[in-house]
Amino acid sequence: MLGDKPLREQSRKARHLMAAFDQAVAALDAGQDIPESATTGIRKRAIPAWLYFAIANLGMHIGAAKHGNLLKIGARPYRPKRTARE
């Protein structure tokens, strides 16, 4: 997610990680346990889950459009056809 660059060279998306690691290092240096706020900050995602899925869906639609399958995304050939009675 963050590439091969050090955290200090990252953009805003790594700011919460740097702050959390700084808290953890300060606590360990003082001989204390790592604070809960640091572990929460380390676990925080760089981008929200909804944005991740939106980007993934956009990529899928772009790929389908490039290959001429955009209108076939919703097709379900494995599903039996419905009859008039249903």
C-alpha atoms as a PDB file:
ATOM      1  CA  MET A   1       0.000   0.000   0.000  1.00  0.00           C
ATOM      2  CA  LEU A   2       2.767   2.427   0.873  1.00  0.00           C
ATOM      3  CA  GLY A   3       5.369   1.313  -1.660  1.00  0.00           C
ATOM      4  CA  ASP A   4       9.072   0.903  -1.159  1.00  0.00           C
ATOM      5  CA  LYS A   5       9.763   4.355   0.274  1.00  0.00           C
ATOM      6  CA  PRO A   6      10.552   5.048   3.943  1.00  0.00           C
ATOM      7  CA  LEU A   7       7.619   6.363   5.985  1.00  0.00           C
ATOM      8  CA  ARG A   8       9.157   9.838   6.251  1.00  0.00           C
ATOM      9  CA  GLU A   9       9.033  10.151   2.439  1.00  0.00           C
ATOM     10  CA  GLN A  10       5.381   9.111   2.202  1.00  0.00           C
ATOM     11  CA  SER A  11       2.537  11.523   1.695  1.00  0.00           C
ATOM     12  CA  ARG A  12      -0.326  12.159   4.115  1.00  0.00           C
ATOM     13  CA  LYS A  13      -1.501   8.552   3.984  1.00  0.00           C
ATOM     14  CA  ALA A  14       1.322   7.465   6.320  1.00  0.00           C
ATOM     15  CA  ARG A  15       1.016  10.337   8.792  1.00  0.00           C
ATOM     16  CA  HIS A  16      -1.025   8.290  11.275  1.00  0.00           C
ATOM     17  CA  LEU A  17       1.548   5.485  11.111  1.00  0.00           C
ATOM     18  CA  MET A  18       4.449   7.803  11.864  1.00  0.00           C
ATOM     19  CA  ALA A  19       2.631   9.294  14.862  1.00  0.00           C
ATOM     20  CA  ALA A  20       1.703   5.839  16.183  1.00  0.00           C
ATOM     21  CA  PHE A  21       5.235   4.490  15.773  1.00  0.00           C
ATOM     22  CA  ASP A  22       6.637   7.587  17.493  1.00  0.00           C
ATOM     23  CA  GLN A  23       4.295   6.967  20.454  1.00  0.00           C
ATOM     24  CA  ALA A  24       5.290   3.292  20.611  1.00  0.00           C
ATOM     25  CA  VAL A  25       9.018   4.055  20.481  1.00  0.00           C
ATOM     26  CA  ALA A  26       8.721   6.744  23.177  1.00  0.00           C
ATOM     27  CA  ALA A  27       6.815   4.360  25.457  1.00  0.00           C
ATOM     28  CA  LEU A  28       9.276   1.508  24.932  1.00  0.00           C
ATOM     29  CA  ASP A  29      12.214   3.869  25.464  1.00  0.00           C
ATOM     30  CA  ALA A  30      10.685   4.916  28.801  1.00  0.00           C
ATOM     31  CA  GLY A  31      10.227   1.247  29.783  1.00  0.00           C
ATOM     32  CA  GLN A  32       6.429   1.420  29.566  1.00  0.00           C
ATOM     33  CA  ASP A  33       3.866  -0.616  27.691  1.00  0.00           C
ATOM     34  CA  ILE A  34       2.801   0.524  24.233  1.00  0.00           C
ATOM     35  CA  PRO A  35      -0.280   2.760  24.635  1.00  0.00           C
ATOM     36  CA  GLU A  36      -3.616   1.708  23.188  1.00  0.00           C
ATOM     37  CA  SER A  37      -3.715   4.818  20.980  1.00  0.00           C
ATOM     38  CA  ALA A  38      -0.474   3.705  19.284  1.00  0.00           C
ATOM     39  CA  THR A  39      -1.750   0.193  18.541  1.00  0.00           C
ATOM     40  CA  THR A  40      -5.012   1.637  17.246  1.00  0.00           C
ATOM     41  CA  GLY A  41      -3.104   4.056  15.004  1.00  0.00           C
ATOM     42  CA  ILE A  42      -0.905   1.281  13.647  1.00  0.00           C
ATOM     43  CA  ARG A  43      -3.965  -0.799  12.736  1.00  0.00           C
ATOM     44  CA  LYS A  44      -5.745   2.100  11.023  1.00  0.00           C
ATOM     45  CA  ARG A  45      -6.089   1.699   7.256  1.00  0.00           C
ATOM     46  CA  ALA A  46      -4.371   4.120   4.918  1.00  0.00           C
ATOM     47  CA  ILE A  47      -7.566   4.522   2.881  1.00  0.00           C
ATOM     48  CA  PRO A  48     -11.168   3.778   3.960  1.00  0.00           C
ATOM     49  CA  ALA A  49     -12.634   0.418   2.964  1.00  0.00           C
ATOM     50  CA  TRP A  50     -15.380   2.020   0.842  1.00  0.00           C
ATOM     51  CA  LEU A  51     -12.776   3.877  -1.233  1.00  0.00           C
ATOM     52  CA  TYR A  52     -10.743   0.707  -1.718  1.00  0.00           C
ATOM     53  CA  PHE A  53     -13.811  -1.139  -3.053  1.00  0.00           C
ATOM     54  CA  ALA A  54     -14.820   1.814  -5.242  1.00  0.00           C
ATOM     55  CA  ILE A  55     -11.367   1.890  -6.853  1.00  0.00           C
ATOM     56  CA  ALA A  56     -11.437  -1.890  -7.344  1.00  0.00           C
ATOM     57  CA  ASN A  57     -14.876  -1.729  -8.985  1.00  0.00           C
ATOM     58  CA  LEU A  58     -13.783   1.127 -11.220  1.00  0.00           C
ATOM     59  CA  GLY A  59     -10.757  -0.891 -12.330  1.00  0.00           C
ATOM     60  CA  MET A  60     -12.970  -3.879 -13.079  1.00  0.00           C
ATOM     61  CA  HIS A  61     -15.345  -1.738 -15.170  1.00  0.00           C
ATOM     62  CA  ILE A  62     -12.474  -0.136 -17.078  1.00  0.00           C
ATOM     63  CA  GLY A  63     -10.986  -3.564 -17.827  1.00  0.00           C
ATOM     64  CA  ALA A  64     -14.359  -4.902 -18.947  1.00  0.00           C
ATOM     65  CA  ALA A  65     -14.892  -1.885 -21.214  1.00  0.00           C
ATOM     66  CA  LYS A  66     -11.456  -2.319 -22.798  1.00  0.00           C
ATOM     67  CA  HIS A  67     -12.278  -5.914 -23.681  1.00  0.00           C
ATOM     68  CA  GLY A  68     -15.843  -5.230 -24.865  1.00  0.00           C
ATOM     69  CA  ASN A  69     -17.520  -6.975 -21.948  1.00  0.00           C
ATOM     70  CA  LEU A  70     -18.977  -4.035 -20.055  1.00  0.00           C
ATOM     71  CA  LEU A  71     -22.579  -4.980 -20.826  1.00  0.00           C
ATOM     72  CA  LYS A  72     -21.943  -8.599 -19.818  1.00  0.00           C
ATOM     73  CA  ILE A  73     -20.844  -7.886 -16.221  1.00  0.00           C
ATOM     74  CA  GLY A  74     -24.300  -8.642 -14.816  1.00  0.00           C
ATOM     75  CA  ALA A  75     -24.784 -11.814 -16.883  1.00  0.00           C
ATOM     76  CA  ARG A  76     -25.422 -15.004 -14.945  1.00  0.00           C
ATOM     77  CA  PRO A  77     -25.328 -17.851 -17.465  1.00  0.00           C
ATOM     78  CA  TYR A  78     -25.384 -20.471 -14.710  1.00  0.00           C
ATOM     79  CA  ARG A  79     -28.757 -19.246 -13.427  1.00  0.00           C
ATOM     80  CA  PRO A  80     -31.829 -21.086 -14.754  1.00  0.00           C
ATOM     81  CA  LYS A  81     -34.269 -19.035 -16.785  1.00  0.00           C
ATOM     82  CA  ARG A  82     -37.456 -17.990 -15.055  1.00  0.00           C
ATOM     83  CA  THR A  83     -40.744 -19.192 -16.429  1.00  0.00           C
ATOM     84  CA  ALA A  84     -43.958 -17.177 -16.616  1.00  0.00           C
ATOM     85  CA  ARG A  85     -45.341 -19.013 -13.541  1.00  0.00           C
ATOM     86  CA  GLU A  86     -42.564 -17.847 -11.253  1.00  0.00           C
END
